[in-house]
Amino acid sequence: SSLEHHRYVFVRDELYSWLPAKITSTLSSPSYAANDDATNTITVVLALPSDWRETTHHPPGSHLANTSPENNFLKRTVNPKEYPDFHLPLQNTDENGEVKAHAD
């Protein structure tokens, strides 16, 4: 599937708008191609930068401000229906999550 090749995505967040994440699994029914089944889900783990706490403004109420890799707040289940064209925005990374460099 194309999700296997594009594991690094962005997910919506109420406080931060968009957060980087890595797809860990997908669950879809046979009607997925028709995009009409609300039970289709994608599970992701947030892929926050190592300097996240120091370089990010954290709004009041953020559970991510003091997060650690073991924190359950890093795991999210999203419904592709909540995204344009039923696709999560892709990060500009290779298959290992390394940012792809492009000349200007």
N, C-alpha and C. Protein backbone atom coordinates (compact mmCIF):
# COMPACT_ATOMS: atom_id res chain seq x y z
N SER A 1 0.83 -1.19 0.00
CA SER A 1 0.00 0.00 0.00
C SER A 1 0.87 1.24 0.00
N SER A 2 0.32 2.37 -0.41
CA SER A 2 1.10 3.60 -0.46
C SER A 2 1.45 4.09 0.94
N LEU A 3 0.64 3.72 1.95
CA LEU A 3 0.95 4.14 3.32
C LEU A 3 2.25 3.50 3.81
N GLU A 4 2.56 2.31 3.33
CA GLU A 4 3.80 1.66 3.75
C GLU A 4 5.01 2.44 3.26
N HIS A 5 4.90 3.07 2.11
CA HIS A 5 6.00 3.83 1.56
C HIS A 5 6.04 5.26 2.11
N HIS A 6 4.93 5.72 2.63
CA HIS A 6 4.83 7.08 3.16
C HIS A 6 4.40 6.99 4.62
N ARG A 7 5.26 6.46 5.45
CA ARG A 7 4.92 6.24 6.85
C ARG A 7 4.98 7.53 7.67
N TYR A 8 5.68 8.54 7.20
CA TYR A 8 5.85 9.77 7.97
C TYR A 8 4.87 10.82 7.47
N VAL A 9 3.99 11.24 8.37
CA VAL A 9 2.87 12.11 8.02
C VAL A 9 2.73 13.23 9.04
N PHE A 10 1.73 14.06 8.84
CA PHE A 10 1.33 15.04 9.83
C PHE A 10 -0.10 14.72 10.25
N VAL A 11 -0.40 14.93 11.54
CA VAL A 11 -1.76 14.74 12.04
C VAL A 11 -2.22 16.03 12.69
N ARG A 12 -3.52 16.24 12.62
CA ARG A 12 -4.10 17.44 13.24
C ARG A 12 -4.03 17.34 14.75
N ASP A 13 -3.89 18.51 15.37
CA ASP A 13 -3.88 18.58 16.82
C ASP A 13 -4.61 19.85 17.23
N GLU A 14 -5.45 19.73 18.25
CA GLU A 14 -6.27 20.85 18.71
C GLU A 14 -5.43 22.03 19.20
N LEU A 15 -4.31 21.77 19.88
CA LEU A 15 -3.49 22.84 20.43
C LEU A 15 -2.35 23.29 19.53
N TYR A 16 -1.76 22.36 18.79
CA TYR A 16 -0.57 22.67 18.00
C TYR A 16 -0.84 22.77 16.50
N SER A 17 -2.04 22.55 16.06
CA SER A 17 -2.46 22.54 14.66
C SER A 17 -2.03 21.26 13.96
N TRP A 18 -0.72 21.08 13.70
CA TRP A 18 -0.22 19.89 13.03
C TRP A 18 0.98 19.36 13.77
N LEU A 19 1.08 18.04 13.88
CA LEU A 19 2.22 17.39 14.54
C LEU A 19 2.78 16.30 13.64
N PRO A 20 4.10 16.15 13.63
CA PRO A 20 4.70 15.07 12.85
C PRO A 20 4.43 13.72 13.51
N ALA A 21 4.23 12.70 12.68
CA ALA A 21 3.91 11.37 13.21
C ALA A 21 4.38 10.30 12.24
N LYS A 22 4.42 9.07 12.76
CA LYS A 22 4.77 7.91 11.96
C LYS A 22 3.61 6.93 12.03
N ILE A 23 3.16 6.45 10.89
CA ILE A 23 2.07 5.48 10.84
C ILE A 23 2.58 4.15 11.37
N THR A 24 1.85 3.57 12.33
CA THR A 24 2.23 2.27 12.86
C THR A 24 1.29 1.16 12.38
N SER A 25 0.03 1.51 12.09
CA SER A 25 -0.89 0.50 11.57
C SER A 25 -2.11 1.17 10.95
N THR A 26 -2.77 0.41 10.10
CA THR A 26 -4.02 0.87 9.50
C THR A 26 -5.06 -0.23 9.67
N LEU A 27 -6.30 0.18 9.81
CA LEU A 27 -7.40 -0.77 9.93
C LEU A 27 -8.46 -0.29 8.96
N SER A 28 -8.75 -1.12 7.99
CA SER A 28 -9.76 -0.72 7.01
C SER A 28 -10.63 -1.90 6.63
N SER A 29 -11.83 -1.54 6.26
CA SER A 29 -12.80 -2.55 5.83
C SER A 29 -12.73 -2.67 4.31
N PRO A 30 -13.42 -3.64 3.72
CA PRO A 30 -13.41 -3.77 2.26
C PRO A 30 -13.95 -2.53 1.54
N SER A 31 -14.71 -1.70 2.22
CA SER A 31 -15.27 -0.51 1.55
C SER A 31 -14.32 0.68 1.63
N TYR A 32 -13.09 0.46 2.05
CA TYR A 32 -12.14 1.58 2.20
C TYR A 32 -11.98 2.36 0.90
N ALA A 33 -11.94 1.67 -0.23
CA ALA A 33 -11.75 2.37 -1.51
C ALA A 33 -12.88 3.34 -1.78
N ALA A 34 -14.05 3.04 -1.28
CA ALA A 34 -15.19 3.93 -1.48
C ALA A 34 -15.20 5.07 -0.47
N ASN A 35 -14.32 5.01 0.53
CA ASN A 35 -14.22 6.06 1.55
C ASN A 35 -15.54 6.35 2.25
N ASP A 36 -16.32 5.31 2.49
CA ASP A 36 -17.63 5.54 3.10
C ASP A 36 -17.80 4.83 4.43
N ASP A 37 -16.74 4.31 5.00
CA ASP A 37 -16.86 3.56 6.25
C ASP A 37 -16.15 4.30 7.37
N ALA A 38 -16.88 4.75 8.36
CA ALA A 38 -16.31 5.53 9.45
C ALA A 38 -15.39 4.71 10.35
N THR A 39 -15.34 3.39 10.16
CA THR A 39 -14.49 2.57 11.03
C THR A 39 -13.04 2.49 10.53
N ASN A 40 -12.73 3.07 9.38
CA ASN A 40 -11.35 3.08 8.90
C ASN A 40 -10.52 3.95 9.81
N THR A 41 -9.42 3.40 10.30
CA THR A 41 -8.57 4.18 11.19
C THR A 41 -7.11 3.98 10.85
N ILE A 42 -6.32 4.95 11.23
CA ILE A 42 -4.87 4.89 11.10
C ILE A 42 -4.30 5.17 12.48
N THR A 43 -3.42 4.30 12.94
CA THR A 43 -2.75 4.51 14.23
C THR A 43 -1.37 5.08 13.96
N VAL A 44 -1.05 6.15 14.68
CA VAL A 44 0.26 6.80 14.53
C VAL A 44 0.89 6.99 15.89
N VAL A 45 2.19 7.17 15.86
CA VAL A 45 2.94 7.59 17.04
C VAL A 45 3.57 8.92 16.68
N LEU A 46 3.36 9.93 17.51
CA LEU A 46 3.94 11.23 17.22
C LEU A 46 5.45 11.11 17.16
N ALA A 47 6.04 11.77 16.18
CA ALA A 47 7.49 11.75 15.98
C ALA A 47 8.03 13.14 16.26
N LEU A 48 8.01 13.50 17.53
CA LEU A 48 8.43 14.84 17.93
C LEU A 48 9.95 14.97 17.88
N PRO A 49 10.46 16.12 17.46
CA PRO A 49 11.91 16.32 17.43
C PRO A 49 12.53 16.20 18.81
N SER A 50 13.80 15.87 18.86
CA SER A 50 14.48 15.68 20.15
C SER A 50 14.51 16.96 20.98
N ASP A 51 14.46 18.12 20.33
CA ASP A 51 14.48 19.39 21.06
C ASP A 51 13.08 19.98 21.25
N TRP A 52 12.08 19.14 21.16
CA TRP A 52 10.67 19.54 21.24
C TRP A 52 10.37 20.43 22.45
N ARG A 53 10.74 19.99 23.64
CA ARG A 53 10.40 20.74 24.86
C ARG A 53 11.05 22.11 24.88
N GLU A 54 12.27 22.19 24.42
CA GLU A 54 13.03 23.44 24.51
C GLU A 54 12.67 24.45 23.42
N THR A 55 12.25 23.99 22.26
CA THR A 55 12.08 24.90 21.13
C THR A 55 10.63 25.15 20.72
N THR A 56 9.69 24.58 21.45
CA THR A 56 8.28 24.71 21.08
C THR A 56 7.52 25.47 22.15
N HIS A 57 6.68 26.41 21.70
CA HIS A 57 5.78 27.09 22.64
C HIS A 57 4.65 26.12 22.97
N HIS A 58 4.44 25.88 24.25
CA HIS A 58 3.43 24.92 24.69
C HIS A 58 2.24 25.67 25.28
N PRO A 59 1.09 25.61 24.62
CA PRO A 59 -0.10 26.29 25.11
C PRO A 59 -0.56 25.69 26.45
N PRO A 60 -1.28 26.47 27.25
CA PRO A 60 -1.83 25.92 28.48
C PRO A 60 -2.70 24.70 28.16
N GLY A 61 -2.59 23.69 28.99
CA GLY A 61 -3.38 22.48 28.80
C GLY A 61 -2.71 21.44 27.94
N SER A 62 -1.49 21.70 27.49
CA SER A 62 -0.80 20.73 26.63
C SER A 62 -0.30 19.55 27.44
N HIS A 63 -0.68 18.35 27.00
CA HIS A 63 -0.16 17.13 27.62
C HIS A 63 1.19 16.76 27.02
N LEU A 64 1.53 17.39 25.90
CA LEU A 64 2.78 17.06 25.23
C LEU A 64 3.97 17.86 25.74
N ALA A 65 3.74 18.89 26.53
CA ALA A 65 4.82 19.75 26.99
C ALA A 65 5.89 18.99 27.77
N ASN A 66 5.49 18.01 28.55
CA ASN A 66 6.44 17.26 29.36
C ASN A 66 6.45 15.78 29.00
N THR A 67 6.23 15.50 27.73
CA THR A 67 6.10 14.12 27.32
C THR A 67 7.45 13.42 27.21
N SER A 68 7.40 12.11 27.32
CA SER A 68 8.58 11.28 27.13
C SER A 68 8.20 10.20 26.12
N PRO A 69 9.18 9.49 25.55
CA PRO A 69 8.84 8.48 24.54
C PRO A 69 7.88 7.39 25.03
N GLU A 70 7.82 7.16 26.32
CA GLU A 70 6.93 6.12 26.85
C GLU A 70 5.50 6.63 27.07
N ASN A 71 5.28 7.91 26.87
CA ASN A 71 4.01 8.53 27.18
C ASN A 71 2.92 8.12 26.20
N ASN A 72 1.76 7.74 26.70
CA ASN A 72 0.64 7.35 25.85
C ASN A 72 0.08 8.50 25.03
N PHE A 73 0.41 9.74 25.40
CA PHE A 73 -0.07 10.88 24.62
C PHE A 73 0.56 10.90 23.23
N LEU A 74 1.62 10.13 23.04
CA LEU A 74 2.28 10.10 21.74
C LEU A 74 1.55 9.22 20.73
N LYS A 75 0.67 8.35 21.20
CA LYS A 75 -0.07 7.44 20.31
C LYS A 75 -1.43 8.06 19.98
N ARG A 76 -1.76 8.06 18.70
CA ARG A 76 -3.04 8.62 18.26
C ARG A 76 -3.70 7.68 17.27
N THR A 77 -5.01 7.67 17.29
CA THR A 77 -5.79 6.96 16.28
C THR A 77 -6.58 8.02 15.54
N VAL A 78 -6.42 8.05 14.23
CA VAL A 78 -7.09 9.07 13.42
C VAL A 78 -7.96 8.42 12.36
N ASN A 79 -8.97 9.15 11.95
CA ASN A 79 -9.88 8.70 10.92
C ASN A 79 -9.56 9.48 9.65
N PRO A 80 -9.20 8.80 8.56
CA PRO A 80 -8.86 9.51 7.32
C PRO A 80 -9.99 10.40 6.78
N LYS A 81 -11.23 10.12 7.19
CA LYS A 81 -12.35 10.95 6.75
C LYS A 81 -12.22 12.40 7.21
N GLU A 82 -11.42 12.62 8.25
CA GLU A 82 -11.25 13.96 8.80
C GLU A 82 -10.19 14.77 8.08
N TYR A 83 -9.63 14.22 7.00
CA TYR A 83 -8.56 14.86 6.25
C TYR A 83 -8.96 15.02 4.79
N PRO A 84 -8.46 16.07 4.13
CA PRO A 84 -8.79 16.28 2.72
C PRO A 84 -8.43 15.05 1.88
N ASP A 85 -9.32 14.66 1.01
CA ASP A 85 -9.13 13.50 0.12
C ASP A 85 -8.81 12.22 0.88
N PHE A 86 -9.16 12.16 2.16
CA PHE A 86 -8.97 10.97 2.99
C PHE A 86 -7.50 10.57 3.15
N HIS A 87 -6.59 11.55 3.05
CA HIS A 87 -5.15 11.28 3.17
C HIS A 87 -4.53 12.20 4.20
N LEU A 88 -3.65 11.65 5.02
CA LEU A 88 -2.87 12.46 5.94
C LEU A 88 -1.76 13.15 5.15
N PRO A 89 -1.45 14.42 5.45
CA PRO A 89 -0.37 15.10 4.74
C PRO A 89 0.96 14.38 5.00
N LEU A 90 1.75 14.24 3.95
CA LEU A 90 3.02 13.53 4.04
C LEU A 90 4.14 14.47 4.44
N GLN A 91 5.06 13.94 5.24
CA GLN A 91 6.28 14.68 5.54
C GLN A 91 7.25 14.50 4.38
N ASN A 92 8.14 15.45 4.20
CA ASN A 92 9.14 15.38 3.15
C ASN A 92 10.35 14.60 3.66
N THR A 93 10.16 13.28 3.83
CA THR A 93 11.21 12.43 4.37
C THR A 93 11.39 11.20 3.51
N ASP A 94 12.51 10.52 3.73
CA ASP A 94 12.71 9.24 3.06
C ASP A 94 12.06 8.14 3.90
N GLU A 95 12.26 6.89 3.51
CA GLU A 95 11.62 5.77 4.21
C GLU A 95 12.12 5.58 5.63
N ASN A 96 13.25 6.23 6.00
CA ASN A 96 13.78 6.15 7.36
C ASN A 96 13.43 7.35 8.22
N GLY A 97 12.64 8.27 7.67
CA GLY A 97 12.24 9.44 8.43
C GLY A 97 13.23 10.59 8.37
N GLU A 98 14.27 10.45 7.54
CA GLU A 98 15.26 11.52 7.39
C GLU A 98 14.73 12.55 6.41
N VAL A 99 14.88 13.84 6.75
CA VAL A 99 14.39 14.90 5.89
C VAL A 99 15.12 14.86 4.56
N LYS A 100 14.35 14.95 3.47
CA LYS A 100 14.94 14.99 2.13
C LYS A 100 15.41 16.40 1.85
N ALA A 101 16.65 16.55 1.48
CA ALA A 101 17.20 17.87 1.16
C ALA A 101 17.00 18.14 -0.32
N HIS A 102 16.56 19.36 -0.63
CA HIS A 102 16.37 19.79 -2.00
C HIS A 102 17.04 21.13 -2.18
N ALA A 103 17.73 21.29 -3.29
CA ALA A 103 18.36 22.57 -3.60
C ALA A 103 17.29 23.60 -3.93
N ASP A 104 17.52 24.83 -3.52
CA ASP A 104 16.58 25.91 -3.82
C ASP A 104 16.70 26.36 -5.26
